[in-house]
């Protein structure tokens, strides 16, 4: 795979990880509410539903942060002014936008009840 192909792939990969996280978070939330996972307590006050949602959120955030670090490493080793540098810079910016979008949907996680 050439550097240009990698750049284009990584431009889409950030929001690919985000949509996977978005879909899984809401699927687990709906499933957990249906089967009353919020009634099962872990570690005192944390319900099993919240634990599952926090775990999914953290896993997807870790993937996006790794992707951002990879894009920045590739950008640092690419000569400025080339199309490859543009692709890696765009990949990094789109990954930052995906991180912001994941944080936005994750802001509902600390609510006392996610099943209303």
N, C-alpha and C. Protein backbone atom coordinates (compact mmCIF):
# COMPACT_ATOMS: atom_id res chain seq x y z
N UNK A 1 0.85 -1.17 0.00
CA UNK A 1 0.00 0.00 0.00
C UNK A 1 0.89 1.24 0.00
N UNK A 2 0.62 2.14 -0.89
CA UNK A 2 1.43 3.35 -0.99
C UNK A 2 1.07 4.32 0.14
N UNK A 3 1.90 5.32 0.30
CA UNK A 3 1.66 6.32 1.34
C UNK A 3 0.38 7.11 1.07
N UNK A 4 0.11 7.39 -0.20
CA UNK A 4 -1.13 8.11 -0.54
C UNK A 4 -2.35 7.27 -0.19
N UNK A 5 -2.30 5.98 -0.50
CA UNK A 5 -3.42 5.11 -0.18
C UNK A 5 -3.61 5.02 1.33
N UNK A 6 -2.50 4.93 2.06
CA UNK A 6 -2.59 4.91 3.52
C UNK A 6 -3.21 6.21 4.05
N UNK A 7 -2.79 7.34 3.48
CA UNK A 7 -3.33 8.63 3.90
C UNK A 7 -4.84 8.71 3.71
N UNK A 8 -5.31 8.26 2.54
CA UNK A 8 -6.75 8.27 2.28
C UNK A 8 -7.48 7.31 3.23
N UNK A 9 -6.90 6.16 3.47
CA UNK A 9 -7.51 5.20 4.39
C UNK A 9 -7.61 5.78 5.79
N UNK A 10 -6.54 6.41 6.25
CA UNK A 10 -6.54 6.95 7.60
C UNK A 10 -7.44 8.17 7.73
N UNK A 11 -7.72 8.86 6.61
CA UNK A 11 -8.69 9.97 6.66
C UNK A 11 -10.06 9.45 7.04
N UNK A 12 -10.42 8.29 6.55
CA UNK A 12 -11.74 7.71 6.84
C UNK A 12 -11.75 6.89 8.12
N UNK A 13 -10.60 6.41 8.54
CA UNK A 13 -10.55 5.49 9.67
C UNK A 13 -10.99 6.13 10.98
N UNK A 14 -10.69 7.40 11.20
CA UNK A 14 -11.09 8.06 12.44
C UNK A 14 -12.60 8.05 12.65
N UNK A 15 -13.33 8.44 11.61
CA UNK A 15 -14.78 8.43 11.74
C UNK A 15 -15.34 7.02 11.62
N UNK A 16 -14.57 6.10 11.05
CA UNK A 16 -14.98 4.69 11.08
C UNK A 16 -14.98 4.16 12.50
N UNK A 17 -13.93 4.50 13.25
CA UNK A 17 -13.86 4.10 14.67
C UNK A 17 -14.98 4.80 15.45
N UNK A 18 -15.21 6.07 15.14
CA UNK A 18 -16.27 6.80 15.85
C UNK A 18 -17.64 6.17 15.60
N UNK A 19 -17.97 5.84 14.37
CA UNK A 19 -19.30 5.28 14.11
C UNK A 19 -19.43 3.90 14.74
N UNK A 20 -18.35 3.15 14.80
CA UNK A 20 -18.40 1.86 15.50
C UNK A 20 -18.67 2.08 16.99
N UNK A 21 -17.99 3.06 17.58
CA UNK A 21 -18.22 3.38 18.99
C UNK A 21 -19.62 3.88 19.24
N UNK A 22 -20.11 4.76 18.38
CA UNK A 22 -21.46 5.30 18.49
C UNK A 22 -22.49 4.17 18.44
N UNK A 23 -22.34 3.30 17.46
CA UNK A 23 -23.29 2.20 17.29
C UNK A 23 -23.25 1.23 18.47
N UNK A 24 -22.05 0.86 18.89
CA UNK A 24 -21.93 -0.09 20.00
C UNK A 24 -22.41 0.49 21.32
N UNK A 25 -22.09 1.77 21.57
CA UNK A 25 -22.55 2.39 22.81
C UNK A 25 -24.08 2.39 22.90
N UNK A 26 -24.73 2.76 21.83
CA UNK A 26 -26.19 2.80 21.88
C UNK A 26 -26.82 1.41 21.84
N UNK A 27 -26.16 0.47 21.18
CA UNK A 27 -26.67 -0.90 21.18
C UNK A 27 -26.56 -1.51 22.58
N UNK A 28 -25.42 -1.30 23.24
CA UNK A 28 -25.25 -1.83 24.60
C UNK A 28 -26.18 -1.11 25.57
N UNK A 29 -26.36 0.19 25.38
CA UNK A 29 -27.26 0.94 26.26
C UNK A 29 -28.69 0.41 26.13
N UNK A 30 -29.16 0.19 24.92
CA UNK A 30 -30.51 -0.32 24.72
C UNK A 30 -30.66 -1.73 25.27
N UNK A 31 -29.67 -2.57 25.02
CA UNK A 31 -29.70 -3.94 25.53
C UNK A 31 -29.66 -3.96 27.05
N UNK A 32 -28.78 -3.15 27.62
CA UNK A 32 -28.67 -3.09 29.08
C UNK A 32 -29.92 -2.59 29.75
N UNK A 33 -30.57 -1.61 29.13
CA UNK A 33 -31.83 -1.12 29.70
C UNK A 33 -32.93 -2.17 29.60
N UNK A 34 -32.96 -2.89 28.49
CA UNK A 34 -33.98 -3.92 28.31
C UNK A 34 -33.83 -5.04 29.33
N UNK A 35 -32.59 -5.42 29.62
CA UNK A 35 -32.35 -6.54 30.54
C UNK A 35 -31.99 -6.09 31.95
N UNK A 36 -32.23 -4.83 32.27
CA UNK A 36 -32.06 -4.24 33.61
C UNK A 36 -30.65 -4.40 34.16
N UNK A 37 -29.65 -4.17 33.32
CA UNK A 37 -28.26 -4.24 33.79
C UNK A 37 -27.95 -3.12 34.78
N UNK A 38 -28.74 -2.04 34.76
CA UNK A 38 -28.48 -0.94 35.68
C UNK A 38 -28.79 -1.33 37.12
N UNK A 39 -29.51 -2.43 37.33
CA UNK A 39 -29.83 -2.90 38.68
C UNK A 39 -28.68 -3.68 39.31
N UNK A 40 -27.79 -4.21 38.50
CA UNK A 40 -26.66 -5.00 38.99
C UNK A 40 -25.52 -4.04 39.31
N UNK A 41 -25.10 -4.02 40.56
CA UNK A 41 -24.08 -3.08 41.03
C UNK A 41 -22.71 -3.74 41.05
N UNK A 42 -21.72 -3.02 40.56
CA UNK A 42 -20.32 -3.42 40.62
C UNK A 42 -19.56 -2.32 41.34
N UNK A 43 -18.64 -2.67 42.14
CA UNK A 43 -17.79 -1.70 42.84
C UNK A 43 -18.61 -0.63 43.56
N UNK A 44 -19.61 -1.04 44.26
CA UNK A 44 -20.41 -0.11 45.04
C UNK A 44 -21.49 0.58 44.25
N UNK A 45 -21.18 1.75 43.70
CA UNK A 45 -22.23 2.54 43.08
C UNK A 45 -22.27 2.45 41.55
N UNK A 46 -21.34 1.75 40.94
CA UNK A 46 -21.31 1.65 39.47
C UNK A 46 -22.11 0.43 39.03
N UNK A 47 -23.07 0.67 38.15
CA UNK A 47 -23.87 -0.45 37.65
C UNK A 47 -23.10 -1.17 36.55
N UNK A 48 -23.52 -2.39 36.27
CA UNK A 48 -22.85 -3.15 35.22
C UNK A 48 -23.07 -2.48 33.85
N UNK A 49 -24.20 -1.81 33.68
CA UNK A 49 -24.44 -1.09 32.43
C UNK A 49 -23.45 0.05 32.27
N UNK A 50 -23.28 0.85 33.32
CA UNK A 50 -22.30 1.94 33.26
C UNK A 50 -20.89 1.40 33.04
N UNK A 51 -20.54 0.31 33.68
CA UNK A 51 -19.21 -0.26 33.50
C UNK A 51 -18.98 -0.69 32.05
N UNK A 52 -19.98 -1.31 31.46
CA UNK A 52 -19.86 -1.73 30.06
C UNK A 52 -19.73 -0.52 29.14
N UNK A 53 -20.53 0.51 29.40
CA UNK A 53 -20.48 1.72 28.56
C UNK A 53 -19.15 2.44 28.71
N UNK A 54 -18.65 2.57 29.95
CA UNK A 54 -17.35 3.20 30.16
C UNK A 54 -16.23 2.40 29.48
N UNK A 55 -16.31 1.08 29.54
CA UNK A 55 -15.30 0.24 28.90
C UNK A 55 -15.29 0.41 27.39
N UNK A 56 -16.47 0.42 26.78
CA UNK A 56 -16.55 0.64 25.33
C UNK A 56 -16.05 2.03 24.95
N UNK A 57 -16.43 3.02 25.72
CA UNK A 57 -15.98 4.39 25.45
C UNK A 57 -14.46 4.46 25.52
N UNK A 58 -13.88 3.89 26.56
CA UNK A 58 -12.42 3.93 26.73
C UNK A 58 -11.70 3.20 25.61
N UNK A 59 -12.24 2.06 25.18
CA UNK A 59 -11.60 1.30 24.11
C UNK A 59 -11.61 2.08 22.79
N UNK A 60 -12.73 2.71 22.48
CA UNK A 60 -12.79 3.48 21.24
C UNK A 60 -11.95 4.75 21.32
N UNK A 61 -11.91 5.36 22.49
CA UNK A 61 -11.06 6.54 22.66
C UNK A 61 -9.59 6.17 22.52
N UNK A 62 -9.20 5.01 23.06
CA UNK A 62 -7.82 4.56 22.93
C UNK A 62 -7.48 4.33 21.46
N UNK A 63 -8.40 3.75 20.70
CA UNK A 63 -8.17 3.55 19.28
C UNK A 63 -7.99 4.86 18.53
N UNK A 64 -8.81 5.84 18.86
CA UNK A 64 -8.69 7.15 18.20
C UNK A 64 -7.41 7.87 18.60
N UNK A 65 -7.02 7.76 19.85
CA UNK A 65 -5.77 8.40 20.29
C UNK A 65 -4.56 7.74 19.63
N UNK A 66 -4.60 6.41 19.49
CA UNK A 66 -3.51 5.73 18.78
C UNK A 66 -3.47 6.20 17.33
N UNK A 67 -4.63 6.31 16.70
CA UNK A 67 -4.70 6.76 15.31
C UNK A 67 -4.13 8.17 15.16
N UNK A 68 -4.47 9.06 16.09
CA UNK A 68 -3.95 10.42 16.05
C UNK A 68 -2.43 10.42 16.20
N UNK A 69 -1.91 9.63 17.12
CA UNK A 69 -0.46 9.56 17.31
C UNK A 69 0.22 9.01 16.06
N UNK A 70 -0.37 8.01 15.43
CA UNK A 70 0.20 7.44 14.21
C UNK A 70 0.22 8.48 13.08
N UNK A 71 -0.87 9.21 12.92
CA UNK A 71 -0.93 10.24 11.88
C UNK A 71 0.11 11.33 12.11
N UNK A 72 0.28 11.71 13.36
CA UNK A 72 1.27 12.75 13.67
C UNK A 72 2.69 12.24 13.45
N UNK A 73 2.95 10.96 13.76
CA UNK A 73 4.28 10.39 13.48
C UNK A 73 4.55 10.37 11.99
N UNK A 74 3.56 9.95 11.20
CA UNK A 74 3.74 9.92 9.75
C UNK A 74 3.93 11.33 9.19
N UNK A 75 3.20 12.30 9.74
CA UNK A 75 3.34 13.68 9.30
C UNK A 75 4.74 14.21 9.60
N UNK A 76 5.28 13.85 10.77
CA UNK A 76 6.61 14.32 11.15
C UNK A 76 7.71 13.77 10.23
N UNK A 77 7.49 12.59 9.67
CA UNK A 77 8.50 11.99 8.80
C UNK A 77 8.27 12.29 7.32
N UNK A 78 7.24 13.07 7.01
CA UNK A 78 6.91 13.39 5.63
C UNK A 78 7.42 14.79 5.31
N UNK A 79 7.94 14.98 4.12
CA UNK A 79 8.44 16.27 3.68
C UNK A 79 7.30 17.27 3.52
N UNK A 80 7.47 18.48 4.06
CA UNK A 80 6.43 19.51 3.97
C UNK A 80 6.18 19.91 2.53
N UNK A 81 4.95 20.30 2.24
CA UNK A 81 4.60 20.78 0.92
C UNK A 81 4.23 19.69 -0.07
N UNK A 82 4.26 18.45 0.35
CA UNK A 82 3.91 17.36 -0.56
C UNK A 82 2.46 16.96 -0.35
N UNK A 83 1.95 16.19 -1.29
CA UNK A 83 0.57 15.73 -1.13
C UNK A 83 0.46 14.73 0.02
N UNK A 84 1.53 13.98 0.28
CA UNK A 84 1.51 13.06 1.43
C UNK A 84 1.37 13.82 2.74
N UNK A 85 2.08 14.95 2.86
CA UNK A 85 1.97 15.76 4.08
C UNK A 85 0.55 16.27 4.25
N UNK A 86 -0.07 16.69 3.16
CA UNK A 86 -1.46 17.15 3.23
C UNK A 86 -2.38 16.03 3.71
N UNK A 87 -2.21 14.83 3.16
CA UNK A 87 -3.07 13.70 3.54
C UNK A 87 -2.92 13.37 5.01
N UNK A 88 -1.69 13.35 5.52
CA UNK A 88 -1.48 13.02 6.93
C UNK A 88 -1.98 14.13 7.84
N UNK A 89 -1.83 15.39 7.40
CA UNK A 89 -2.37 16.50 8.20
C UNK A 89 -3.89 16.43 8.22
N UNK A 90 -4.50 16.15 7.08
CA UNK A 90 -5.96 16.02 7.02
C UNK A 90 -6.43 14.83 7.86
N UNK A 91 -5.68 13.74 7.83
CA UNK A 91 -6.02 12.57 8.65
C UNK A 91 -5.99 12.91 10.13
N UNK A 92 -4.97 13.66 10.55
CA UNK A 92 -4.87 14.05 11.95
C UNK A 92 -6.02 14.97 12.35
N UNK A 93 -6.37 15.92 11.48
CA UNK A 93 -7.47 16.84 11.78
C UNK A 93 -8.81 16.11 11.84
N UNK A 94 -9.04 15.20 10.92
CA UNK A 94 -10.29 14.44 10.94
C UNK A 94 -10.36 13.51 12.15
N UNK A 95 -9.22 12.99 12.57
CA UNK A 95 -9.20 12.16 13.78
C UNK A 95 -9.52 13.01 15.01
N UNK A 96 -9.00 14.23 15.04
CA UNK A 96 -9.36 15.14 16.15
C UNK A 96 -10.86 15.42 16.16
N UNK A 97 -11.45 15.60 15.00
CA UNK A 97 -12.89 15.82 14.92
C UNK A 97 -13.66 14.59 15.41
N UNK A 98 -13.16 13.41 15.09
CA UNK A 98 -13.80 12.17 15.56
C UNK A 98 -13.67 12.04 17.08
N UNK A 99 -12.54 12.45 17.63
CA UNK A 99 -12.36 12.44 19.09
C UNK A 99 -13.37 13.39 19.74
N UNK A 100 -13.52 14.58 19.17
CA UNK A 100 -14.50 15.54 19.72
C UNK A 100 -15.92 14.97 19.64
N UNK A 101 -16.24 14.30 18.55
CA UNK A 101 -17.57 13.70 18.40
C UNK A 101 -17.79 12.58 19.41
N UNK A 102 -16.75 11.78 19.67
CA UNK A 102 -16.88 10.70 20.66
C UNK A 102 -17.05 11.28 22.06
N UNK A 103 -16.32 12.34 22.36
CA UNK A 103 -16.48 12.99 23.67
C UNK A 103 -17.90 13.54 23.79
N UNK A 104 -18.42 14.11 22.72
CA UNK A 104 -19.78 14.67 22.75
C UNK A 104 -20.83 13.60 23.08
N UNK A 105 -20.75 12.45 22.42
CA UNK A 105 -21.74 11.41 22.71
C UNK A 105 -21.46 10.73 24.04
N UNK A 106 -20.23 10.80 24.51
CA UNK A 106 -19.89 10.19 25.79
C UNK A 106 -20.24 11.03 26.98
N UNK A 107 -20.66 12.28 26.75
CA UNK A 107 -20.99 13.15 27.88
C UNK A 107 -22.21 12.68 28.64
N UNK A 108 -23.02 11.82 28.05
CA UNK A 108 -24.21 11.31 28.74
C UNK A 108 -23.88 10.14 29.66
N UNK A 109 -22.69 9.59 29.57
CA UNK A 109 -22.35 8.41 30.38
C UNK A 109 -22.42 8.64 31.89
N UNK A 110 -21.98 9.78 32.42
CA UNK A 110 -22.04 9.95 33.88
C UNK A 110 -23.43 10.19 34.45
N UNK A 111 -24.44 10.32 33.62
CA UNK A 111 -25.80 10.54 34.14
C UNK A 111 -26.21 9.39 35.06
N UNK A 112 -26.97 9.70 36.10
CA UNK A 112 -27.36 8.64 37.04
C UNK A 112 -28.10 7.47 36.39
N UNK A 113 -28.98 7.78 35.46
CA UNK A 113 -29.71 6.72 34.77
C UNK A 113 -29.67 6.99 33.27
N UNK A 114 -29.22 6.01 32.53
CA UNK A 114 -29.17 6.15 31.08
C UNK A 114 -30.36 5.43 30.43
N UNK A 115 -31.33 5.01 31.26
CA UNK A 115 -32.45 4.22 30.76
C UNK A 115 -33.79 4.96 30.80
N UNK A 116 -33.78 6.23 30.72
CA UNK A 116 -35.05 6.97 30.74
C UNK A 116 -35.42 7.45 29.39
